[in-house]
Amino acid sequence: MASHRTEAGKTSLWRRLLWMAGIWGASVAGLGIVAFILRVWLKS
């Protein structure tokens, strides 16, 4: 029983890390898009 909980804990840890990385990447991409739009809008 203990080994099963350990494996599940590792899996959930990796899932959490992947979700965190994905959300971070999406937020950086979103901020980049907003910055690009503002830069284009302010230059014209």
N, C-alpha and C. Protein backbone atom coordinates (compact mmCIF):
# COMPACT_ATOMS: atom_id res chain seq x y z
N MET A 1 0.82 -1.20 0.00
CA MET A 1 0.00 0.00 0.00
C MET A 1 0.87 1.26 0.00
N ALA A 2 1.95 1.25 0.75
CA ALA A 2 2.79 2.44 0.84
C ALA A 2 3.46 2.76 -0.50
N SER A 3 3.93 1.72 -1.21
CA SER A 3 4.60 1.98 -2.49
C SER A 3 3.62 2.55 -3.51
N HIS A 4 2.36 2.08 -3.46
CA HIS A 4 1.36 2.60 -4.39
C HIS A 4 1.13 4.10 -4.14
N ARG A 5 1.05 4.49 -2.88
CA ARG A 5 0.85 5.91 -2.55
C ARG A 5 2.06 6.73 -2.98
N THR A 6 3.26 6.17 -2.84
CA THR A 6 4.47 6.89 -3.26
C THR A 6 4.47 7.12 -4.77
N GLU A 7 4.11 6.08 -5.53
CA GLU A 7 4.06 6.24 -6.99
C GLU A 7 3.00 7.26 -7.39
N ALA A 8 1.86 7.21 -6.75
CA ALA A 8 0.81 8.19 -7.06
C ALA A 8 1.28 9.59 -6.69
N GLY A 9 2.01 9.72 -5.59
CA GLY A 9 2.53 11.02 -5.20
C GLY A 9 3.51 11.56 -6.21
N LYS A 10 4.38 10.71 -6.74
CA LYS A 10 5.33 11.15 -7.77
C LYS A 10 4.60 11.57 -9.03
N THR A 11 3.59 10.80 -9.42
CA THR A 11 2.84 11.14 -10.62
C THR A 11 2.14 12.48 -10.45
N SER A 12 1.51 12.69 -9.32
CA SER A 12 0.81 13.95 -9.12
C SER A 12 1.80 15.11 -9.03
N LEU A 13 2.99 14.86 -8.49
CA LEU A 13 4.00 15.92 -8.44
C LEU A 13 4.40 16.32 -9.86
N TRP A 14 4.66 15.32 -10.72
CA TRP A 14 5.03 15.64 -12.10
C TRP A 14 3.90 16.33 -12.83
N ARG A 15 2.66 15.88 -12.57
CA ARG A 15 1.52 16.54 -13.21
C ARG A 15 1.43 17.98 -12.76
N ARG A 16 1.62 18.22 -11.47
CA ARG A 16 1.56 19.60 -10.96
C ARG A 16 2.65 20.45 -11.59
N LEU A 17 3.86 19.90 -11.70
CA LEU A 17 4.95 20.66 -12.30
C LEU A 17 4.67 20.96 -13.77
N LEU A 18 4.12 19.96 -14.50
CA LEU A 18 3.80 20.20 -15.90
C LEU A 18 2.70 21.25 -16.06
N TRP A 19 1.69 21.18 -15.20
CA TRP A 19 0.63 22.18 -15.24
C TRP A 19 1.19 23.56 -14.93
N MET A 20 2.05 23.64 -13.92
CA MET A 20 2.64 24.93 -13.56
C MET A 20 3.46 25.49 -14.73
N ALA A 21 4.26 24.63 -15.36
CA ALA A 21 5.07 25.08 -16.49
C ALA A 21 4.18 25.50 -17.66
N GLY A 22 3.11 24.76 -17.90
CA GLY A 22 2.20 25.10 -18.98
C GLY A 22 1.49 26.42 -18.75
N ILE A 23 1.03 26.62 -17.53
CA ILE A 23 0.34 27.88 -17.20
C ILE A 23 1.32 29.04 -17.26
N TRP A 24 2.54 28.83 -16.78
CA TRP A 24 3.56 29.89 -16.84
C TRP A 24 3.87 30.24 -18.30
N GLY A 25 4.04 29.22 -19.13
CA GLY A 25 4.32 29.46 -20.54
C GLY A 25 3.18 30.19 -21.24
N ALA A 26 1.95 29.81 -20.92
CA ALA A 26 0.80 30.48 -21.53
C ALA A 26 0.71 31.93 -21.08
N SER A 27 1.04 32.19 -19.82
CA SER A 27 0.97 33.57 -19.34
C SER A 27 2.08 34.42 -19.97
N VAL A 28 3.25 33.85 -20.12
CA VAL A 28 4.34 34.59 -20.78
C VAL A 28 3.98 34.87 -22.23
N ALA A 29 3.41 33.87 -22.91
CA ALA A 29 3.01 34.08 -24.31
C ALA A 29 1.91 35.13 -24.40
N GLY A 30 0.95 35.09 -23.49
CA GLY A 30 -0.12 36.09 -23.48
C GLY A 30 0.41 37.49 -23.25
N LEU A 31 1.33 37.62 -22.31
CA LEU A 31 1.91 38.94 -22.07
C LEU A 31 2.71 39.42 -23.27
N GLY A 32 3.39 38.50 -23.94
CA GLY A 32 4.14 38.86 -25.14
C GLY A 32 3.22 39.35 -26.24
N ILE A 33 2.08 38.68 -26.41
CA ILE A 33 1.12 39.10 -27.44
C ILE A 33 0.57 40.49 -27.11
N VAL A 34 0.20 40.70 -25.84
CA VAL A 34 -0.32 42.01 -25.44
C VAL A 34 0.74 43.09 -25.64
N ALA A 35 1.97 42.82 -25.28
CA ALA A 35 3.04 43.80 -25.46
C ALA A 35 3.26 44.10 -26.94
N PHE A 36 3.20 43.06 -27.78
CA PHE A 36 3.37 43.28 -29.22
C PHE A 36 2.25 44.14 -29.78
N ILE A 37 1.01 43.85 -29.37
CA ILE A 37 -0.13 44.63 -29.85
C ILE A 37 -0.01 46.09 -29.40
N LEU A 38 0.36 46.29 -28.14
CA LEU A 38 0.53 47.67 -27.65
C LEU A 38 1.64 48.39 -28.39
N ARG A 39 2.73 47.69 -28.67
CA ARG A 39 3.85 48.31 -29.37
C ARG A 39 3.43 48.73 -30.77
N VAL A 40 2.71 47.85 -31.48
CA VAL A 40 2.25 48.17 -32.84
C VAL A 40 1.25 49.31 -32.79
N TRP A 41 0.34 49.26 -31.82
CA TRP A 41 -0.71 50.29 -31.71
C TRP A 41 -0.10 51.66 -31.40
N LEU A 42 0.88 51.71 -30.50
CA LEU A 42 1.46 52.99 -30.12
C LEU A 42 2.38 53.56 -31.20
N LYS A 43 2.97 52.71 -32.03
CA LYS A 43 3.85 53.21 -33.10
C LYS A 43 3.07 53.80 -34.25
N SER A 44 1.84 53.35 -34.45
CA SER A 44 1.07 53.83 -35.61
C SER A 44 0.30 55.10 -35.31
